[in-house]
Amino acid sequence: MNSPAPAAQPASNSPARRIAAALILSGLVFTVLWIMAFNVVISLLIGAGCCVVIVAAGSASDVVEMILDAVASVVFGVVAVIATIVGAIFSMFGF
């Protein structure tokens, strides 16, 4: 009797996924700041700073990395639901 092979690590822990989630979060920060009161340049600077801080903290701390992975799962889950709804609407009209 052979023991089963260990399961492969899921691809959800990739650095690209965390960076993409950080980019989405910094885009949200930029949008909120731009709508609230700031001009485009200041909002871009603050959003880029948030992205750099999130990525640097994720690579330095396991807790922040775990939180960022959880946020990435939620963000990409919401994007998947939106894509499913749009796909369903397009399929109803035969696109």
N, C-alpha and C. Protein backbone atom coordinates (compact mmCIF):
# COMPACT_ATOMS: atom_id res chain seq x y z
N MET A 1 0.84 -1.19 0.00
CA MET A 1 0.00 0.00 0.00
C MET A 1 0.88 1.24 0.00
N ASN A 2 0.66 2.02 -0.97
CA ASN A 2 1.39 3.28 -1.06
C ASN A 2 0.53 4.39 -0.50
N SER A 3 1.18 5.32 0.17
CA SER A 3 0.43 6.47 0.66
C SER A 3 0.16 7.40 -0.51
N PRO A 4 -0.96 8.13 -0.46
CA PRO A 4 -1.28 9.03 -1.57
C PRO A 4 -0.25 10.14 -1.68
N ALA A 5 -0.06 10.58 -2.90
CA ALA A 5 0.90 11.66 -3.13
C ALA A 5 0.39 12.94 -2.47
N PRO A 6 1.29 13.74 -1.93
CA PRO A 6 0.84 14.99 -1.30
C PRO A 6 0.22 15.92 -2.34
N ALA A 7 -0.80 16.60 -1.90
CA ALA A 7 -1.50 17.52 -2.80
C ALA A 7 -0.59 18.68 -3.15
N ALA A 8 -0.69 19.13 -4.38
CA ALA A 8 0.12 20.26 -4.82
C ALA A 8 -0.39 21.54 -4.19
N GLN A 9 0.52 22.47 -3.98
CA GLN A 9 0.14 23.77 -3.43
C GLN A 9 -0.76 24.48 -4.42
N PRO A 10 -1.84 25.07 -3.95
CA PRO A 10 -2.68 25.82 -4.89
C PRO A 10 -1.94 27.04 -5.42
N ALA A 11 -2.31 27.44 -6.62
CA ALA A 11 -1.65 28.59 -7.25
C ALA A 11 -2.12 29.91 -6.69
N SER A 12 -3.01 29.87 -5.70
CA SER A 12 -3.57 31.10 -5.16
C SER A 12 -2.59 31.87 -4.29
N ASN A 13 -1.45 31.28 -3.96
CA ASN A 13 -0.48 31.96 -3.11
C ASN A 13 0.63 32.63 -3.90
N SER A 14 0.39 32.88 -5.16
CA SER A 14 1.45 33.45 -5.99
C SER A 14 1.62 34.94 -5.70
N PRO A 15 2.85 35.43 -5.85
CA PRO A 15 3.09 36.86 -5.64
C PRO A 15 2.33 37.73 -6.64
N ALA A 16 2.13 37.23 -7.85
CA ALA A 16 1.40 38.01 -8.85
C ALA A 16 -0.03 38.27 -8.41
N ARG A 17 -0.63 37.30 -7.75
CA ARG A 17 -1.99 37.47 -7.25
C ARG A 17 -2.04 38.54 -6.16
N ARG A 18 -1.06 38.52 -5.27
CA ARG A 18 -1.03 39.53 -4.20
C ARG A 18 -0.76 40.91 -4.78
N ILE A 19 0.12 41.00 -5.77
CA ILE A 19 0.40 42.30 -6.38
C ILE A 19 -0.84 42.82 -7.11
N ALA A 20 -1.56 41.92 -7.80
CA ALA A 20 -2.78 42.35 -8.48
C ALA A 20 -3.82 42.84 -7.48
N ALA A 21 -3.94 42.15 -6.35
CA ALA A 21 -4.89 42.59 -5.33
C ALA A 21 -4.46 43.94 -4.75
N ALA A 22 -3.17 44.13 -4.55
CA ALA A 22 -2.68 45.42 -4.05
C ALA A 22 -2.95 46.53 -5.06
N LEU A 23 -2.79 46.23 -6.35
CA LEU A 23 -3.10 47.22 -7.38
C LEU A 23 -4.58 47.58 -7.38
N ILE A 24 -5.44 46.59 -7.21
CA ILE A 24 -6.88 46.86 -7.16
C ILE A 24 -7.21 47.71 -5.94
N LEU A 25 -6.63 47.38 -4.79
CA LEU A 25 -6.90 48.16 -3.59
C LEU A 25 -6.37 49.59 -3.72
N SER A 26 -5.19 49.76 -4.32
CA SER A 26 -4.69 51.12 -4.50
C SER A 26 -5.52 51.88 -5.52
N GLY A 27 -6.06 51.18 -6.51
CA GLY A 27 -6.98 51.83 -7.45
C GLY A 27 -8.24 52.30 -6.75
N LEU A 28 -8.73 51.51 -5.81
CA LEU A 28 -9.89 51.94 -5.03
C LEU A 28 -9.56 53.16 -4.17
N VAL A 29 -8.37 53.15 -3.56
CA VAL A 29 -7.95 54.31 -2.76
C VAL A 29 -7.86 55.54 -3.64
N PHE A 30 -7.26 55.41 -4.83
CA PHE A 30 -7.17 56.52 -5.77
C PHE A 30 -8.54 57.05 -6.14
N THR A 31 -9.47 56.15 -6.46
CA THR A 31 -10.81 56.56 -6.87
C THR A 31 -11.54 57.29 -5.75
N VAL A 32 -11.45 56.75 -4.55
CA VAL A 32 -12.14 57.38 -3.42
C VAL A 32 -11.55 58.77 -3.14
N LEU A 33 -10.22 58.87 -3.15
CA LEU A 33 -9.60 60.17 -2.87
C LEU A 33 -9.90 61.18 -3.97
N TRP A 34 -9.93 60.73 -5.22
CA TRP A 34 -10.19 61.64 -6.33
C TRP A 34 -11.64 62.14 -6.28
N ILE A 35 -12.54 61.26 -5.93
CA ILE A 35 -13.96 61.66 -5.83
C ILE A 35 -14.17 62.58 -4.63
N MET A 36 -13.48 62.31 -3.53
CA MET A 36 -13.70 63.07 -2.30
C MET A 36 -13.26 64.52 -2.43
N ALA A 37 -11.95 64.75 -2.57
CA ALA A 37 -11.52 66.15 -2.53
C ALA A 37 -10.22 66.43 -3.25
N PHE A 38 -9.39 65.42 -3.46
CA PHE A 38 -8.04 65.67 -3.95
C PHE A 38 -8.02 65.74 -5.47
N ASN A 39 -6.96 66.33 -6.01
CA ASN A 39 -6.81 66.33 -7.46
C ASN A 39 -6.18 65.03 -7.92
N VAL A 40 -6.02 64.86 -9.22
CA VAL A 40 -5.57 63.59 -9.78
C VAL A 40 -4.16 63.24 -9.35
N VAL A 41 -3.25 64.20 -9.36
CA VAL A 41 -1.84 63.92 -9.06
C VAL A 41 -1.67 63.47 -7.61
N ILE A 42 -2.28 64.17 -6.69
CA ILE A 42 -2.17 63.79 -5.28
C ILE A 42 -2.81 62.43 -5.04
N SER A 43 -3.94 62.17 -5.67
CA SER A 43 -4.60 60.88 -5.51
C SER A 43 -3.74 59.76 -6.08
N LEU A 44 -3.10 59.99 -7.23
CA LEU A 44 -2.21 58.98 -7.81
C LEU A 44 -1.01 58.70 -6.91
N LEU A 45 -0.44 59.74 -6.35
CA LEU A 45 0.70 59.56 -5.46
C LEU A 45 0.32 58.76 -4.21
N ILE A 46 -0.80 59.08 -3.62
CA ILE A 46 -1.23 58.37 -2.42
C ILE A 46 -1.60 56.92 -2.75
N GLY A 47 -2.29 56.71 -3.88
CA GLY A 47 -2.64 55.35 -4.29
C GLY A 47 -1.42 54.51 -4.59
N ALA A 48 -0.41 55.09 -5.28
CA ALA A 48 0.82 54.36 -5.56
C ALA A 48 1.57 54.06 -4.27
N GLY A 49 1.57 55.00 -3.34
CA GLY A 49 2.21 54.76 -2.05
C GLY A 49 1.54 53.64 -1.28
N CYS A 50 0.22 53.59 -1.33
CA CYS A 50 -0.52 52.50 -0.68
C CYS A 50 -0.15 51.16 -1.29
N CYS A 51 -0.04 51.11 -2.62
CA CYS A 51 0.32 49.87 -3.30
C CYS A 51 1.71 49.41 -2.89
N VAL A 52 2.66 50.32 -2.85
CA VAL A 52 4.04 49.96 -2.47
C VAL A 52 4.08 49.48 -1.03
N VAL A 53 3.37 50.16 -0.15
CA VAL A 53 3.36 49.76 1.27
C VAL A 53 2.72 48.39 1.44
N ILE A 54 1.63 48.13 0.74
CA ILE A 54 0.95 46.84 0.86
C ILE A 54 1.85 45.71 0.36
N VAL A 55 2.48 45.91 -0.79
CA VAL A 55 3.35 44.86 -1.35
C VAL A 55 4.57 44.65 -0.46
N ALA A 56 5.18 45.73 0.02
CA ALA A 56 6.36 45.60 0.88
C ALA A 56 5.99 44.93 2.21
N ALA A 57 4.87 45.31 2.78
CA ALA A 57 4.45 44.70 4.04
C ALA A 57 4.10 43.24 3.84
N GLY A 58 3.51 42.91 2.69
CA GLY A 58 3.17 41.51 2.40
C GLY A 58 4.40 40.64 2.26
N SER A 59 5.47 41.19 1.72
CA SER A 59 6.69 40.40 1.58
C SER A 59 7.49 40.34 2.88
N ALA A 60 7.26 41.26 3.78
CA ALA A 60 8.02 41.29 5.03
C ALA A 60 7.32 40.57 6.17
N SER A 61 6.00 40.52 6.15
CA SER A 61 5.26 39.97 7.28
C SER A 61 4.33 38.86 6.81
N ASP A 62 4.34 37.74 7.53
CA ASP A 62 3.45 36.63 7.18
C ASP A 62 1.99 36.97 7.46
N VAL A 63 1.74 37.74 8.51
CA VAL A 63 0.36 38.10 8.86
C VAL A 63 -0.26 38.98 7.77
N VAL A 64 0.51 39.97 7.32
CA VAL A 64 0.01 40.85 6.27
C VAL A 64 -0.16 40.07 4.98
N GLU A 65 0.74 39.14 4.70
CA GLU A 65 0.62 38.30 3.51
C GLU A 65 -0.64 37.45 3.56
N MET A 66 -0.95 36.91 4.75
CA MET A 66 -2.16 36.11 4.90
C MET A 66 -3.41 36.96 4.72
N ILE A 67 -3.40 38.17 5.28
CA ILE A 67 -4.54 39.08 5.13
C ILE A 67 -4.70 39.49 3.67
N LEU A 68 -3.59 39.77 3.00
CA LEU A 68 -3.64 40.15 1.59
C LEU A 68 -4.14 39.00 0.73
N ASP A 69 -3.77 37.77 1.06
CA ASP A 69 -4.31 36.62 0.33
C ASP A 69 -5.81 36.50 0.53
N ALA A 70 -6.28 36.75 1.75
CA ALA A 70 -7.73 36.69 2.01
C ALA A 70 -8.46 37.79 1.25
N VAL A 71 -7.90 38.99 1.25
CA VAL A 71 -8.51 40.10 0.50
C VAL A 71 -8.51 39.79 -0.99
N ALA A 72 -7.41 39.20 -1.48
CA ALA A 72 -7.34 38.84 -2.90
C ALA A 72 -8.41 37.81 -3.25
N SER A 73 -8.65 36.85 -2.37
CA SER A 73 -9.70 35.86 -2.62
C SER A 73 -11.07 36.52 -2.72
N VAL A 74 -11.33 37.46 -1.83
CA VAL A 74 -12.62 38.15 -1.85
C VAL A 74 -12.75 39.02 -3.10
N VAL A 75 -11.70 39.78 -3.41
CA VAL A 75 -11.75 40.68 -4.57
C VAL A 75 -11.93 39.89 -5.86
N PHE A 76 -11.14 38.83 -6.03
CA PHE A 76 -11.25 38.05 -7.25
C PHE A 76 -12.54 37.22 -7.29
N GLY A 77 -13.08 36.88 -6.13
CA GLY A 77 -14.39 36.24 -6.10
C GLY A 77 -15.48 37.17 -6.58
N VAL A 78 -15.42 38.43 -6.15
CA VAL A 78 -16.39 39.43 -6.60
C VAL A 78 -16.25 39.66 -8.11
N VAL A 79 -15.01 39.74 -8.59
CA VAL A 79 -14.79 39.92 -10.03
C VAL A 79 -15.33 38.71 -10.81
N ALA A 80 -15.16 37.51 -10.27
CA ALA A 80 -15.68 36.31 -10.93
C ALA A 80 -17.20 36.31 -10.98
N VAL A 81 -17.84 36.76 -9.90
CA VAL A 81 -19.30 36.84 -9.89
C VAL A 81 -19.79 37.86 -10.92
N ILE A 82 -19.13 39.00 -10.99
CA ILE A 82 -19.51 40.02 -11.97
C ILE A 82 -19.33 39.48 -13.39
N ALA A 83 -18.22 38.78 -13.63
CA ALA A 83 -17.98 38.20 -14.96
C ALA A 83 -19.04 37.15 -15.29
N THR A 84 -19.46 36.38 -14.31
CA THR A 84 -20.50 35.38 -14.54
C THR A 84 -21.82 36.03 -14.88
N ILE A 85 -22.17 37.09 -14.18
CA ILE A 85 -23.43 37.80 -14.44
C ILE A 85 -23.41 38.42 -15.83
N VAL A 86 -22.30 39.06 -16.19
CA VAL A 86 -22.20 39.66 -17.52
C VAL A 86 -22.24 38.58 -18.60
N GLY A 87 -21.58 37.45 -18.37
CA GLY A 87 -21.62 36.34 -19.31
C GLY A 87 -23.02 35.78 -19.47
N ALA A 88 -23.76 35.70 -18.37
CA ALA A 88 -25.14 35.21 -18.44
C ALA A 88 -26.02 36.17 -19.22
N ILE A 89 -25.82 37.47 -19.00
CA ILE A 89 -26.61 38.46 -19.73
C ILE A 89 -26.30 38.39 -21.23
N PHE A 90 -25.01 38.27 -21.57
CA PHE A 90 -24.65 38.17 -22.99
C PHE A 90 -25.17 36.89 -23.61
N SER A 91 -25.18 35.79 -22.87
CA SER A 91 -25.66 34.52 -23.43
C SER A 91 -27.17 34.56 -23.65
N MET A 92 -27.89 35.35 -22.85
CA MET A 92 -29.33 35.48 -23.05
C MET A 92 -29.64 36.14 -24.39
N PHE A 93 -28.79 37.05 -24.83
CA PHE A 93 -29.00 37.76 -26.08
C PHE A 93 -28.24 37.15 -27.24
N GLY A 94 -27.58 36.02 -27.01
CA GLY A 94 -26.91 35.30 -28.08
C GLY A 94 -25.58 35.85 -28.50
N PHE A 95 -24.90 36.59 -27.65
CA PHE A 95 -23.57 37.12 -28.00
C PHE A 95 -22.51 36.10 -27.72
